[in-house]
């Protein structure tokens, strides 16, 4: 019986949970429906070692000034009537020395997060917490498969940019149309394919699954990260493990949202 450790096994890292009150210092529309906020504040001790890490962003009721709260056994302890809505966001980039972080928001027109993103300007405040932990994927695979819709673009883009030079990456990303395509600065060996809904509602197509089924994938051991609408992620995972022979230990399928269910989120 071997006691050897799998050099490709994902590594979980825990972080001290901290909340931070940040202020918007720049707003940049990456595409017509993707808005990037640069926020500044106390970033001391911030850590995010995994491309799919998430912070909690807190959106307060109208008339309630964003503020920090003590952290108890069940998380942030806000006063009655002041408890904000919470949403998960991937840190796109950050600089501890400068005290800044970039967060990307999809402008889809409803919900507390999109409402905040549509109205926030220079000087607007946002409270964030975490990440509580990271899932670190060793750079020990022959190639990497990345797939998802626009809600996963911050994690997918960060992964594309962070992987080492020469790493072989196949990325298939669903967006509304060509105007929503993003480009990335990367030294990887990247094959990037965008598929377009062209007016079809998000979460109602099989574009990502169909593109992966039709793709000629590289040889070797791969790690796959799929994220976005929950049913899509599950169907792609099933195809990879059942039909393509992927090791289930090396496939992460994250449901960021669920079609027809408001505010549905799974851990990612």
Protein backbone atom coordinates (compact mmCIF):
# COMPACT_ATOMS: atom_id res chain seq x y z
CA UNK A 1 0.00 0.00 0.00
CA UNK A 2 1.48 3.31 -1.10
CA UNK A 3 1.60 6.30 1.20
CA UNK A 4 2.75 8.62 -1.59
CA UNK A 5 1.07 12.00 -1.82
CA UNK A 6 -0.55 12.95 -5.12
CA UNK A 7 1.52 15.92 -6.39
CA UNK A 8 -1.53 17.10 -8.36
CA UNK A 9 -3.96 17.05 -5.43
CA UNK A 10 -5.61 20.44 -4.78
CA UNK A 11 -4.44 22.10 -1.56
CA UNK A 12 -6.80 23.90 0.81
CA UNK A 13 -5.43 26.90 2.68
CA UNK A 14 -7.30 28.72 5.46
CA UNK A 15 -7.06 32.48 6.02
CA UNK A 16 -7.91 34.74 8.92
CA UNK A 17 -11.36 36.19 8.32
CA UNK A 18 -11.29 39.98 8.21
CA UNK A 19 -13.74 42.61 7.13
CA UNK A 20 -12.66 45.75 5.31
CA UNK A 21 -14.40 49.04 4.55
CA UNK A 22 -13.26 50.17 1.11
CA UNK A 23 -13.89 53.21 -1.09
CA UNK A 24 -14.25 53.27 -4.86
CA UNK A 25 -11.40 55.18 -6.51
CA UNK A 26 -11.93 54.12 -10.15
CA UNK A 27 -14.72 52.74 -12.33
CA UNK A 28 -13.97 51.11 -15.68
CA UNK A 29 -16.39 49.36 -18.03
CA UNK A 30 -14.39 46.39 -19.33
CA UNK A 31 -17.27 45.57 -21.70
CA UNK A 32 -20.79 47.01 -22.01
CA UNK A 33 -22.01 44.61 -19.29
CA UNK A 34 -18.90 44.11 -17.15
CA UNK A 35 -17.86 46.93 -14.81
CA UNK A 36 -14.60 46.92 -12.86
CA UNK A 37 -14.30 48.80 -9.59
CA UNK A 38 -10.96 49.67 -8.04
CA UNK A 39 -11.42 50.08 -4.29
CA UNK A 40 -8.96 51.39 -1.71
CA UNK A 41 -8.69 50.81 2.02
CA UNK A 42 -6.90 48.71 4.59
CA UNK A 43 -5.70 45.65 2.65
CA UNK A 44 -3.11 44.57 5.21
CA UNK A 45 -3.00 40.79 5.51
CA UNK A 46 -5.20 40.18 2.49
CA UNK A 47 -4.53 36.76 0.92
CA UNK A 48 -6.06 35.00 -2.08
CA UNK A 49 -3.95 32.08 -3.24
CA UNK A 50 -6.53 30.43 -5.51
CA UNK A 51 -7.93 31.77 -8.78
CA UNK A 52 -11.52 30.92 -7.75
CA UNK A 53 -11.35 32.37 -4.23
CA UNK A 54 -14.21 34.60 -3.25
CA UNK A 55 -14.76 37.50 -0.93
CA UNK A 56 -18.14 38.38 0.53
CA UNK A 57 -19.41 41.77 -0.58
CA UNK A 58 -22.02 43.38 1.69
CA UNK A 59 -24.86 45.50 0.27
CA UNK A 60 -26.70 47.49 2.94
CA UNK A 61 -30.37 48.49 3.01
CA UNK A 62 -31.23 51.89 1.61
CA UNK A 63 -30.35 54.61 4.10
CA UNK A 64 -27.88 52.45 6.06
CA UNK A 65 -24.27 53.61 5.90
CA UNK A 66 -21.85 50.77 5.06
CA UNK A 67 -19.95 49.84 8.20
CA UNK A 68 -17.87 47.06 9.69
CA UNK A 69 -19.31 44.59 12.18
CA UNK A 70 -17.71 42.28 14.73
CA UNK A 71 -17.18 38.68 13.58
CA UNK A 72 -18.76 36.04 15.78
CA UNK A 73 -19.16 32.27 15.57
CA UNK A 74 -21.73 32.66 12.77
CA UNK A 75 -19.93 35.37 10.86
CA UNK A 76 -20.48 39.11 10.80
CA UNK A 77 -22.84 40.30 13.55
CA UNK A 78 -24.82 43.28 12.28
CA UNK A 79 -27.43 45.18 14.28
CA UNK A 80 -31.11 44.41 13.78
CA UNK A 81 -32.41 46.14 10.66
CA UNK A 82 -28.91 46.84 9.37
CA UNK A 83 -28.01 43.37 8.12
CA UNK A 84 -26.88 43.64 4.50
CA UNK A 85 -27.34 41.29 1.58
CA UNK A 86 -24.21 39.28 0.77
CA UNK A 87 -22.81 38.10 -2.57
CA UNK A 88 -19.63 36.27 -3.57
CA UNK A 89 -17.04 37.90 -5.79
CA UNK A 90 -13.65 36.76 -7.07
CA UNK A 91 -10.79 39.16 -6.34
CA UNK A 92 -9.61 40.04 -9.86
CA UNK A 93 -6.36 41.66 -8.72
CA UNK A 94 -5.02 43.55 -5.71
CA UNK A 95 -2.00 45.36 -4.33
CA UNK A 96 -1.54 45.26 -0.57
CA UNK A 97 1.13 47.97 -0.57
CA UNK A 98 -1.17 50.38 -2.44
CA UNK A 99 -4.21 49.21 -0.47
CA UNK A 100 -6.29 48.50 -3.57
CA UNK A 101 -8.38 45.66 -5.00
CA UNK A 102 -10.23 45.22 -8.31
CA UNK A 103 -13.67 43.59 -8.40
CA UNK A 104 -15.68 42.94 -11.58
CA UNK A 105 -19.50 43.12 -11.59
CA UNK A 106 -21.86 41.81 -14.27
CA UNK A 107 -24.48 44.48 -15.00
CA UNK A 108 -27.60 42.35 -15.40
CA UNK A 109 -30.06 44.87 -14.05
CA UNK A 110 -31.51 43.35 -10.89
CA UNK A 111 -30.53 42.37 -7.37
CA UNK A 112 -28.61 44.28 -4.70
CA UNK A 113 -25.17 43.73 -6.22
CA UNK A 114 -26.11 44.85 -9.73
CA UNK A 115 -28.05 47.75 -8.27
CA UNK A 116 -24.99 48.85 -6.33
CA UNK A 117 -22.73 48.43 -9.36
CA UNK A 118 -25.08 50.43 -11.59
CA UNK A 119 -25.11 53.37 -9.20
CA UNK A 120 -21.71 53.33 -7.48
CA UNK A 121 -19.33 56.16 -8.29
CA UNK A 122 -16.00 57.50 -7.08
CA UNK A 123 -16.26 57.71 -3.28
CA UNK A 124 -18.91 55.00 -2.90
CA UNK A 125 -18.26 52.58 -0.03
CA UNK A 126 -18.23 48.78 -0.02
CA UNK A 127 -17.62 46.36 2.84
CA UNK A 128 -15.92 43.07 1.99
CA UNK A 129 -14.93 40.06 4.05
CA UNK A 130 -12.53 37.19 3.42
CA UNK A 131 -11.51 35.15 1.57
CA UNK A 132 -11.84 32.58 4.34
CA UNK A 133 -9.75 30.11 2.39
CA UNK A 134 -8.17 29.17 -0.91
CA UNK A 135 -8.17 26.09 -3.10
CA UNK A 136 -4.73 26.00 -4.70
CA UNK A 137 -4.29 23.89 -7.84
CA UNK A 138 -0.66 22.80 -8.32
CA UNK A 139 0.97 23.70 -11.64
CA UNK A 140 1.59 19.99 -12.20
CA UNK A 141 -0.91 19.15 -14.93
CA UNK A 142 -0.26 18.58 -18.61
CA UNK A 143 -2.98 21.07 -19.51
CA UNK A 144 -5.95 22.97 -18.09
CA UNK A 145 -9.56 23.28 -19.19
CA UNK A 146 -11.47 26.42 -18.22
CA UNK A 147 -15.14 26.91 -19.05
CA UNK A 148 -17.92 29.19 -17.89
CA UNK A 149 -20.25 32.09 -18.53
CA UNK A 150 -19.63 35.76 -17.81
CA UNK A 151 -20.20 35.35 -14.07
CA UNK A 152 -17.07 33.18 -14.05
CA UNK A 153 -14.98 35.55 -16.16
CA UNK A 154 -13.11 37.09 -13.18
CA UNK A 155 -11.98 33.63 -12.04
CA UNK A 156 -11.28 32.37 -15.56
CA UNK A 157 -9.38 35.51 -16.55
CA UNK A 158 -7.34 35.46 -13.38
CA UNK A 159 -6.44 31.79 -13.94
CA UNK A 160 -5.38 32.46 -17.53
CA UNK A 161 -3.13 35.29 -16.37
CA UNK A 162 -1.69 33.51 -13.33
CA UNK A 163 -0.73 30.15 -14.83
CA UNK A 164 2.99 29.85 -15.60
CA UNK A 165 4.55 30.58 -18.97
CA UNK A 166 3.99 27.83 -21.48
CA UNK A 167 1.15 26.14 -19.59
CA UNK A 168 -1.34 24.67 -22.07
CA UNK A 169 -4.82 26.11 -21.54
CA UNK A 170 -8.09 25.48 -23.35
CA UNK A 171 -10.77 28.05 -22.43
CA UNK A 172 -14.38 28.08 -23.63
CA UNK A 173 -16.42 31.04 -22.43
CA UNK A 174 -20.06 31.95 -23.06
CA UNK A 175 -21.04 35.61 -23.32
CA UNK A 176 -23.94 37.57 -24.81
CA UNK A 177 -22.17 38.67 -28.00
CA UNK A 178 -18.81 39.73 -29.43
CA UNK A 179 -18.89 43.02 -27.52
CA UNK A 180 -18.66 41.08 -24.24
CA UNK A 181 -15.46 39.23 -25.15
CA UNK A 182 -12.45 40.04 -22.97
CA UNK A 183 -8.77 39.72 -23.80
CA UNK A 184 -6.09 38.63 -21.35
CA UNK A 185 -2.39 39.31 -20.93
CA UNK A 186 -0.87 35.87 -20.58
CA UNK A 187 2.28 33.91 -21.33
CA UNK A 188 0.40 30.59 -21.40
CA UNK A 189 -0.21 28.52 -24.52
CA UNK A 190 -3.84 29.60 -24.69
CA UNK A 191 -6.61 28.35 -26.96
CA UNK A 192 -9.53 30.68 -26.23
CA UNK A 193 -12.99 30.20 -27.73
CA UNK A 194 -15.97 32.46 -27.09
CA UNK A 195 -19.51 31.27 -27.78
CA UNK A 196 -22.34 33.80 -28.09
CA UNK A 197 -25.94 33.59 -26.88
CA UNK A 198 -27.00 36.31 -29.34
CA UNK A 199 -30.17 37.20 -27.46
CA UNK A 200 -30.96 33.86 -25.85
CA UNK A 201 -31.44 34.27 -22.09
CA UNK A 202 -28.42 33.31 -19.97
CA UNK A 203 -28.63 29.76 -18.69
CA UNK A 204 -30.98 28.51 -21.42
CA UNK A 205 -28.46 27.24 -23.96
CA UNK A 206 -26.09 24.27 -24.22
CA UNK A 207 -23.40 26.33 -25.96
CA UNK A 208 -20.57 25.50 -23.55
CA UNK A 209 -21.34 21.79 -23.38
CA UNK A 210 -21.73 21.59 -27.16
CA UNK A 211 -18.41 23.39 -27.73
CA UNK A 212 -16.57 21.07 -25.34
CA UNK A 213 -18.15 17.98 -26.91
CA UNK A 214 -17.00 19.18 -30.33
CA UNK A 215 -13.49 20.11 -29.22
CA UNK A 216 -10.40 18.01 -29.86
CA UNK A 217 -8.75 18.21 -26.46
CA UNK A 218 -5.01 17.83 -25.75
CA UNK A 219 -3.49 14.57 -24.54
CA UNK A 220 -2.33 14.10 -20.97
CA UNK A 221 -3.68 14.68 -17.48
CA UNK A 222 -5.83 17.82 -17.18
CA UNK A 223 -7.44 19.88 -14.47
CA UNK A 224 -10.85 21.29 -15.38
CA UNK A 225 -12.56 24.27 -13.80
CA UNK A 226 -16.14 24.92 -14.88
CA UNK A 227 -18.24 27.70 -13.38
CA UNK A 228 -21.42 29.64 -14.01
CA UNK A 229 -25.01 28.47 -14.18
CA UNK A 230 -25.32 25.41 -11.95
CA UNK A 231 -27.01 23.01 -14.38
CA UNK A 232 -24.45 23.84 -17.07
CA UNK A 233 -21.55 23.18 -14.70
CA UNK A 234 -22.98 19.82 -13.68
CA UNK A 235 -23.63 18.72 -17.25
CA UNK A 236 -20.10 19.62 -18.34
CA UNK A 237 -18.65 17.80 -15.36
CA UNK A 238 -20.67 14.69 -16.21
CA UNK A 239 -19.45 14.79 -19.82
CA UNK A 240 -15.81 15.16 -18.77
CA UNK A 241 -15.86 12.35 -16.22
CA UNK A 242 -18.25 9.95 -17.98
CA UNK A 243 -17.33 10.46 -21.63
CA UNK A 244 -13.86 12.02 -21.68
CA UNK A 245 -12.20 10.01 -18.92
CA UNK A 246 -11.30 12.95 -16.67
CA UNK A 247 -10.33 12.04 -13.11
CA UNK A 248 -13.23 13.33 -10.97
CA UNK A 249 -10.67 14.54 -8.41
CA UNK A 250 -9.35 16.92 -11.05
CA UNK A 251 -12.68 18.46 -12.08
CA UNK A 252 -14.17 21.38 -10.17
CA UNK A 253 -17.70 22.34 -11.22
CA UNK A 254 -18.99 25.43 -9.42
CA UNK A 255 -22.58 26.65 -9.55
CA UNK A 256 -22.44 30.44 -9.30
CA UNK A 257 -26.16 30.79 -10.01
CA UNK A 258 -29.20 28.67 -10.87
CA UNK A 259 -31.63 29.48 -13.67
CA UNK A 260 -35.01 30.51 -12.29
CA UNK A 261 -33.86 30.80 -8.68
CA UNK A 262 -33.14 34.32 -7.43
CA UNK A 263 -29.90 34.75 -5.49
CA UNK A 264 -29.02 31.04 -5.63
CA UNK A 265 -25.34 30.55 -4.87
CA UNK A 266 -23.24 27.50 -4.18
CA UNK A 267 -19.84 27.65 -2.50
CA UNK A 268 -17.07 28.32 -4.98
